[in-house]
Protein backbone atom coordinates (compact mmCIF):
# COMPACT_ATOMS: atom_id res chain seq x y z
CA MET A 1 80.22 311.74 304.70
CA PHE A 2 76.88 310.58 303.40
CA ALA A 3 76.34 314.02 301.86
CA GLN A 4 79.84 313.86 299.96
CA LEU A 5 78.62 310.53 299.05
CA THR A 6 75.42 311.67 297.68
CA LEU A 7 77.27 314.13 295.46
CA VAL A 8 79.78 312.02 294.40
CA VAL A 9 77.34 309.32 293.28
CA ALA A 10 74.65 312.26 291.82
CA ALA A 11 77.84 313.94 289.79
CA SER A 12 78.35 310.34 288.22
CA LEU A 13 75.29 310.67 286.02
CA ALA A 14 77.15 313.28 284.35
CA GLY A 15 78.76 310.53 282.07
CA PRO A 16 75.60 308.64 280.52
CA LEU A 17 74.65 312.17 280.03
CA LEU A 18 77.60 313.45 277.76
CA ALA A 19 77.80 309.88 276.31
CA ALA A 20 74.39 310.06 275.74
CA GLY A 21 74.25 313.75 274.13
CA THR A 22 77.44 312.00 272.09
CA ARG A 23 75.99 309.22 270.49
CA GLY A 24 78.22 306.77 272.17
CA LEU A 25 81.15 308.20 270.73
CA LEU A 26 82.42 309.39 274.00
CA PRO A 27 81.73 306.51 276.82
CA ALA A 28 80.43 307.82 279.84
CA VAL A 29 84.01 307.88 281.84
CA VAL A 30 85.02 311.01 280.21
CA GLY A 31 81.97 312.78 281.73
CA GLU A 32 82.80 310.84 285.42
CA LEU A 33 86.06 312.10 284.93
CA ALA A 34 85.10 315.47 283.90
CA ILE A 35 82.73 316.61 286.67
CA GLY A 36 85.34 314.54 289.26
CA ALA A 37 87.89 317.94 288.01
CA LEU A 38 85.29 319.80 288.62
CA LEU A 39 84.37 319.26 291.86
CA GLY A 40 87.70 318.19 293.30
CA HIS A 41 91.51 319.80 292.99
CA THR A 42 91.48 321.26 289.93
CA GLY A 43 87.68 323.17 289.94
CA PHE A 44 85.53 323.94 293.04
CA ARG A 45 87.07 321.02 295.94
CA VAL A 46 83.53 320.45 297.64
CA VAL A 47 85.31 316.42 297.30
CA ASP A 48 88.02 315.65 298.84
CA PRO A 49 88.98 312.04 297.75
CA GLY A 50 90.91 311.29 300.58
CA ALA A 51 88.33 312.51 303.11
CA SER A 52 86.06 309.79 305.04
CA ALA A 53 85.42 306.02 303.02
CA PHE A 54 86.22 307.76 299.95
CA PRO A 55 89.82 305.59 299.35
CA VAL A 56 87.89 302.34 300.08
CA PHE A 57 85.45 303.19 297.42
CA HIS A 58 88.08 304.29 295.26
CA ALA A 59 89.73 300.97 295.40
CA LEU A 60 86.76 298.81 295.12
CA GLY A 61 85.91 300.67 291.93
CA PHE A 62 89.44 300.53 290.46
CA ALA A 63 89.26 296.91 291.39
CA MET A 64 85.94 296.07 289.97
CA LEU A 65 86.84 298.50 286.84
CA MET A 66 89.82 295.41 286.20
CA MET A 67 87.21 292.66 287.06
CA THR A 68 84.62 294.09 284.34
CA ALA A 69 87.44 294.21 281.77
CA GLY A 70 88.81 290.79 282.54
CA THR A 71 84.89 289.63 282.05
CA HIS A 72 85.89 290.89 277.87
CA VAL A 73 88.71 288.62 277.55
CA ASP A 74 87.17 285.23 277.15
CA LEU A 75 90.89 283.04 276.12
CA ARG A 76 88.55 280.04 275.60
CA SER A 77 86.12 281.35 272.87
CA GLN A 78 86.17 280.80 268.96
CA GLU A 79 86.46 284.16 267.82
CA MET A 80 89.70 284.46 270.20
CA ARG A 81 91.01 280.81 268.43
CA ARG A 82 90.02 281.69 264.54
CA GLY A 83 92.02 285.36 265.74
CA ALA A 84 94.69 284.22 268.08
CA GLY A 85 97.48 284.09 265.39
CA ARG A 86 96.79 287.45 263.26
CA GLY A 87 96.01 288.98 266.57
CA THR A 88 99.35 287.97 268.00
CA LEU A 89 101.10 289.49 265.22
CA ALA A 90 99.46 292.49 265.91
CA LEU A 91 100.46 292.68 269.03
CA VAL A 92 104.10 291.81 267.95
CA ALA A 93 104.12 294.86 265.93
CA VAL A 94 102.44 297.22 268.11
CA ALA A 95 105.25 295.95 271.04
CA VAL A 96 108.20 296.40 268.46
CA VAL A 97 107.02 300.28 267.65
CA ALA A 98 105.92 301.36 270.82
CA ALA A 99 109.00 300.46 273.10
CA PRO A 100 111.27 302.65 271.26
CA ALA A 101 108.63 304.93 270.44
CA GLY A 102 108.18 305.63 274.58
CA PHE A 103 111.63 305.64 275.25
CA LEU A 104 112.01 308.19 272.35
CA VAL A 105 109.21 310.60 273.84
CA ALA A 106 110.72 310.37 277.56
CA SER A 107 113.95 311.13 276.35
CA LEU A 108 112.99 314.14 274.22
CA LEU A 109 110.45 315.55 276.89
CA GLY A 110 112.44 314.16 280.06
CA PHE A 111 110.10 311.68 281.37
CA ASP A 112 111.54 309.19 284.39
CA HIS A 113 109.27 306.16 283.23
CA PRO A 114 109.99 305.26 279.54
CA ALA A 115 108.77 301.97 280.16
CA LEU A 116 105.23 302.96 281.22
CA LEU A 117 105.15 304.57 278.29
CA GLY A 118 105.71 301.92 276.19
CA VAL A 119 103.30 299.73 278.27
CA LEU A 120 100.45 302.26 277.55
CA LEU A 121 101.24 303.03 273.96
CA ALA A 122 101.06 299.28 273.35
CA GLY A 123 97.64 298.92 275.09
CA SER A 124 94.04 298.55 273.97
CA SER A 125 90.63 298.99 275.98
CA ALA A 126 88.27 296.18 275.69
CA ALA A 127 85.89 298.12 277.50
CA VAL A 128 85.88 300.64 274.32
CA ALA A 129 85.60 298.32 271.21
CA PHE A 130 84.04 294.50 272.54
CA PRO A 131 80.69 296.07 274.01
CA ILE A 132 80.21 297.64 270.49
CA ILE A 133 81.06 294.06 268.67
CA GLU A 134 78.64 292.79 271.24
CA GLU A 135 75.51 295.62 270.78
CA ASN A 136 76.31 294.98 266.82
CA HIS A 137 76.42 291.27 266.55
CA LEU A 138 79.74 291.44 264.70
CA LYS A 139 81.04 288.82 262.94
CA GLY A 140 83.76 288.31 260.26
CA PRO A 141 88.16 287.58 260.33
CA ALA A 142 88.69 291.13 260.82
CA VAL A 143 86.34 291.12 264.30
CA SER A 144 87.93 287.65 265.30
CA TYR A 145 91.45 288.90 264.87
CA LEU A 146 90.53 292.38 266.50
CA ILE A 147 88.91 290.39 269.82
CA ALA A 148 91.91 288.28 269.91
CA TRP A 149 94.34 291.24 269.31
CA ILE A 150 92.72 293.64 272.17
CA ALA A 151 92.26 290.88 274.56
CA LEU A 152 95.85 289.56 274.20
CA ALA A 153 96.76 293.76 274.85
CA ASP A 154 94.63 293.91 277.56
CA THR A 155 96.01 290.34 278.89
CA VAL A 156 99.59 291.43 278.81
CA THR A 157 99.82 295.08 279.59
CA VAL A 158 97.55 294.74 282.93
CA VAL A 159 100.54 292.48 284.62
CA LEU A 160 103.40 294.91 282.73
CA MET A 161 102.20 298.17 283.80
CA PRO A 162 102.14 298.11 287.47
CA LEU A 163 105.90 297.04 287.08
CA THR A 164 106.82 299.71 285.21
CA VAL A 165 105.06 302.32 287.68
CA GLU A 166 106.64 300.70 290.60
CA GLY A 167 110.34 301.41 289.86
CA GLY A 168 113.06 298.29 289.71
CA GLY A 169 113.83 297.90 292.98
CA ARG A 170 110.22 296.53 293.95
CA VAL A 171 110.55 294.45 290.50
CA ALA A 172 110.81 290.98 291.99
CA ALA A 173 108.96 290.93 295.22
CA THR A 174 106.16 292.32 292.43
CA LEU A 175 106.28 289.62 290.09
CA GLY A 176 105.87 287.37 293.19
CA GLY A 177 103.09 288.59 294.52
CA ASP A 178 101.72 288.47 291.20
CA ALA A 179 102.53 284.87 290.73
CA ALA A 180 100.30 284.18 294.25
CA ILE A 181 97.56 285.85 293.11
CA VAL A 182 97.44 283.83 290.08
CA ALA A 183 98.07 280.33 291.89
CA VAL A 184 95.54 281.46 294.49
CA GLY A 185 93.53 281.75 291.36
CA LEU A 186 93.76 278.68 290.18
CA LEU A 187 93.11 277.22 293.06
CA VAL A 188 89.73 279.00 293.22
CA LEU A 189 89.09 278.02 289.57
CA GLY A 190 89.41 274.56 290.29
CA ALA A 191 87.69 274.22 293.42
CA ALA A 192 84.44 275.92 291.39
CA LEU A 193 84.90 273.73 288.84
CA TRP A 194 84.81 271.16 291.33
CA LEU A 195 81.87 272.51 293.61
CA ARG A 196 79.85 272.30 289.65
CA ARG A 197 79.53 268.80 289.51
CA LEU A 198 77.86 268.01 292.76
CA ALA A 199 74.15 267.62 292.86
CA LEU A 200 73.64 270.21 295.24
CA VAL A 201 74.59 273.31 293.27
CA PRO A 202 72.38 273.34 290.63
CA GLY A 203 69.52 273.17 293.07
CA LEU A 204 71.04 276.23 295.45
CA VAL A 205 71.75 278.13 292.18
CA GLU A 206 68.11 277.79 291.17
CA MET A 207 66.90 278.43 294.48
CA SER A 208 68.42 282.02 294.84
CA ARG A 209 67.26 282.77 291.15
CA ARG A 210 63.58 282.40 292.30
CA ARG A 211 64.37 283.87 295.65
CA GLY A 212 66.59 286.64 294.68
CA TRP A 213 69.63 285.90 296.66
CA ALA A 214 72.13 286.63 294.18
CA LEU A 215 74.06 283.85 295.14
CA GLN A 216 76.50 283.59 292.55
CA LEU A 217 76.91 287.25 292.54
CA ARG A 218 78.06 287.19 295.92
CA LEU A 219 80.44 284.20 295.69
CA SER A 220 82.04 286.32 292.21
CA MET A 221 82.51 289.14 295.09
CA VAL A 222 83.98 286.65 297.94
CA VAL A 223 86.52 285.72 294.50
CA LEU A 224 87.61 289.30 293.81
CA LEU A 225 87.27 290.26 297.57
CA LEU A 226 90.21 287.17 298.24
CA LEU A 227 92.60 288.00 295.29
CA LEU A 228 92.90 291.55 296.73
CA ALA A 229 93.55 289.99 300.19
CA VAL A 230 96.51 288.07 298.49
CA ALA A 231 97.49 291.32 296.56
CA GLU A 232 97.43 293.50 299.51
CA THR A 233 99.18 290.95 301.57
CA ALA A 234 102.16 290.05 298.84
CA GLY A 235 102.72 293.93 298.01
CA ALA A 236 101.49 292.87 294.38
CA SER A 237 99.08 295.02 292.26
CA THR A 238 95.37 295.15 293.00
CA LEU A 239 94.61 296.14 289.12
CA VAL A 240 96.37 292.20 288.62
CA ALA A 241 93.62 291.13 290.86
CA GLY A 242 90.75 292.36 289.44
CA PHE A 243 91.93 291.53 285.88
CA LEU A 244 92.39 288.04 286.95
CA ALA A 245 88.68 287.86 288.98
CA GLY A 246 87.40 288.88 285.83
CA ILE A 247 88.85 286.20 283.78
CA ILE A 248 88.11 282.98 286.18
CA LEU A 249 84.14 284.27 286.19
CA VAL A 250 84.40 284.15 281.90
CA HIS A 251 85.73 280.71 282.37
CA LEU A 252 83.39 279.26 284.50
CA GLY A 253 80.72 280.69 281.88
CA GLU A 254 79.12 283.08 284.00
CA PRO A 255 75.26 283.67 283.47
CA ASP A 256 73.63 286.01 281.68
CA ARG A 257 71.98 287.21 284.55
CA LEU A 258 75.49 287.21 286.77
CA ALA A 259 77.17 289.64 284.31
CA LEU A 260 73.98 292.17 284.49
CA GLN A 261 74.18 292.02 287.84
CA ILE A 262 77.68 292.61 287.73
CA SER A 263 77.44 295.09 285.31
CA GLY A 264 75.03 296.96 287.72
CA VAL A 265 76.89 296.98 290.33
CA ALA A 266 80.25 298.22 288.88
CA ASN A 267 79.27 300.26 285.84
CA GLY A 268 76.38 301.52 287.89
CA PHE A 269 78.07 302.57 291.34
CA PHE A 270 81.96 301.41 291.77
CA VAL A 271 83.18 302.05 289.01
CA ALA A 272 81.57 305.43 287.95
CA MET A 273 82.47 306.37 291.46
CA PHE A 274 86.27 305.39 290.88
CA PHE A 275 86.14 307.76 287.83
CA VAL A 276 84.45 310.87 289.75
CA LEU A 277 86.82 310.49 292.44
CA LEU A 278 90.04 309.95 289.91
CA GLY A 279 88.66 313.07 288.10
CA ALA A 280 88.93 314.96 291.86
CA GLN A 281 92.38 313.69 292.62
CA LEU A 282 93.71 314.61 289.07
CA ASP A 283 95.05 318.12 289.06
CA LEU A 284 94.38 319.79 285.72
CA ARG A 285 95.44 322.90 286.49
CA ALA A 286 99.06 321.72 287.10
CA LEU A 287 98.89 320.46 283.65
CA ALA A 288 97.44 323.69 282.33
CA GLY A 289 100.25 325.13 283.61
CA ALA A 290 103.43 322.47 282.52
CA PRO A 291 103.77 322.59 278.63
CA THR A 292 105.77 319.16 279.05
CA ALA A 293 103.30 317.60 280.25
CA MET A 294 100.85 318.87 277.82
CA LEU A 295 102.85 317.72 274.64
CA LEU A 296 103.18 314.44 276.56
CA ALA A 297 99.76 314.04 276.84
CA ALA A 298 99.26 314.94 272.54
CA ALA A 299 102.41 312.81 272.04
CA MET A 300 101.27 309.59 273.83
CA ALA A 301 97.38 309.99 272.07
CA LEU A 302 98.57 310.80 268.92
CA GLY A 303 101.60 307.61 269.45
CA ALA A 304 99.11 305.20 270.59
CA ILE A 305 96.77 305.71 267.62
CA ALA A 306 99.22 305.59 265.11
CA VAL A 307 101.03 302.22 266.53
CA HIS A 308 97.84 300.50 266.47
CA VAL A 309 96.74 301.66 262.64
CA ALA A 310 100.34 300.91 261.34
CA ALA A 311 100.41 297.53 263.10
CA ALA A 312 96.48 296.90 261.77
CA LEU A 313 97.90 298.02 258.53
CA LEU A 314 100.37 295.00 258.40
CA THR A 315 98.53 292.42 259.81
CA ALA A 316 94.56 292.49 259.64
CA PRO A 317 92.73 290.59 257.41
CA ALA A 318 90.44 293.21 256.51
CA ARG A 319 88.90 296.20 257.49
CA ARG A 320 92.61 297.68 258.41
CA LEU A 321 91.55 301.26 259.16
CA PRO A 322 88.63 300.43 261.59
CA ALA A 323 90.22 297.96 263.24
CA GLY A 324 93.57 299.85 264.03
CA LEU A 325 91.69 302.71 265.27
CA SER A 326 88.91 300.60 267.54
CA ALA A 327 92.23 299.03 269.26
CA SER A 328 94.14 302.45 270.08
CA ALA A 329 91.38 303.39 272.34
CA GLN A 330 92.99 304.04 275.74
CA LEU A 331 90.76 303.80 278.79
CA GLY A 332 91.35 301.62 281.78
CA LEU A 333 94.62 301.41 281.65
CA PRO A 334 95.89 305.17 281.69
CA ALA A 335 93.27 305.21 284.82
CA ALA A 336 95.06 302.30 286.59
CA ALA A 337 98.75 304.18 285.80
CA ALA A 338 97.53 307.43 286.87
CA SER A 339 95.33 306.35 290.12
CA LEU A 340 99.03 303.63 291.25
CA GLY A 341 101.13 307.04 290.20
CA LEU A 342 99.65 309.31 292.63
CA ALA A 343 98.80 306.75 295.31
CA ASP A 344 102.45 305.75 295.31
CA HIS A 345 104.00 309.15 294.53
CA ALA A 346 105.35 308.32 291.20
CA LEU A 347 104.04 310.38 289.15
CA PRO A 348 104.00 314.12 289.55
CA PRO A 349 100.17 315.54 289.77
CA ALA A 350 100.73 317.22 286.28
CA VAL A 351 101.83 314.19 284.79
CA ALA A 352 99.04 311.61 285.77
CA ALA A 353 97.10 314.46 284.59
CA ALA A 354 98.92 314.49 281.22
CA VAL A 355 98.27 310.31 281.13
CA VAL A 356 95.02 310.63 281.71
CA ALA A 357 94.44 312.99 279.20
CA ALA A 358 96.29 310.99 276.71
CA GLY A 359 93.54 307.86 277.01
CA CYS A 360 90.78 310.61 276.53
CA LEU A 361 92.17 311.99 273.53
CA THR A 362 92.20 308.59 272.06
CA LEU A 363 88.56 307.39 272.72
CA LEU A 364 87.22 309.56 270.03
CA PRO A 365 88.87 307.74 266.95
CA ALA A 366 88.58 304.65 268.47
CA ALA A 367 85.15 304.65 268.89
CA PHE A 368 84.86 306.29 265.38
CA GLY A 369 86.75 303.40 264.28
CA ALA A 370 84.80 300.85 266.20
CA ASN A 371 81.67 302.27 264.61
CA LEU A 372 82.94 302.21 261.05
CA LEU A 373 83.90 298.44 261.72
CA ALA A 374 79.99 298.36 262.34
CA ARG A 375 78.46 299.40 259.12
CA PRO A 376 78.65 297.18 255.93
CA ALA A 377 82.32 296.90 254.13
CA GLY A 378 82.56 298.93 250.85
CA PRO A 379 83.40 297.63 247.33
CA GLY A 380 86.78 298.36 247.62
CA PRO A 381 90.02 297.44 250.02
CA GLU A 382 90.77 299.18 253.11
């Protein structure tokens, strides 16, 4: 077990190395997926993602991926409030175009999940755009609009996507499970807000900081695991549970130290392992041998870029093209769809690989758009 685990963790180093070599234009997950494919079903088959404890690591990595995405969604922030109106209009504009586009592509290529295509085309990735916005301290109407748009898109598509994979027969049960997750999450949030009023809590937090207990990190993991347990019991999606855990942490006002700890545990270990193991699951040989699946990947990538740029041109207050490109990134959602589809046998191997490939194809133009957004605006309109 430990030899395989060592190999997977060492392989995850390919992600940061690739990201460093491309000066941030490609996220680390591209390298992690690529090295996973090389070691897994597509390549040398030295990593079996279904062996030993890997399914547990895969599930936890998936949940922590969604939790870190949720920590980027602060529905009470000033940026969200300033950009909420136009951001909502942008999301509506994308949905109006993405839904028929998804059904059209599915019809032309014989894909059995047209609603899934529509949701994926409408999705955005906070994990790509938000870190660049934060690192460059970007401000202004275009940035507020973009933050609101991506946060709303993430929130809506995270709920809808599992329903499109599950199939019509399980929609009611899945919605009931999601409602149970939200109910428990609200109870946890209420309890946490009440506990913070107690005089004992600040002293414990300070003692934890001085003595290295990482008490807040432990409590955050308890919240995540509790919501995952509810999802497992109710037959709902762990995607929703992880995302809600992240939103709860943001609502509680996670300190910088806790954010750094979560980032280290998630991005430094569990999420990196998830992407390597997902890459090992994917069968790129099946994709290469299926022209229809390759067309699907290209259509999804081009469609996502087109609908987001079109929505930005119609609704953005400024910096329209960079905003549209930045919002078009498909990172966690296609990976989540492929992971759920393979686990439930809802997606054939070639199609699951096509979904992830489409997401990867959007990352370069999205990162380019975010870098354009970081540059000073020119004198002319965009």
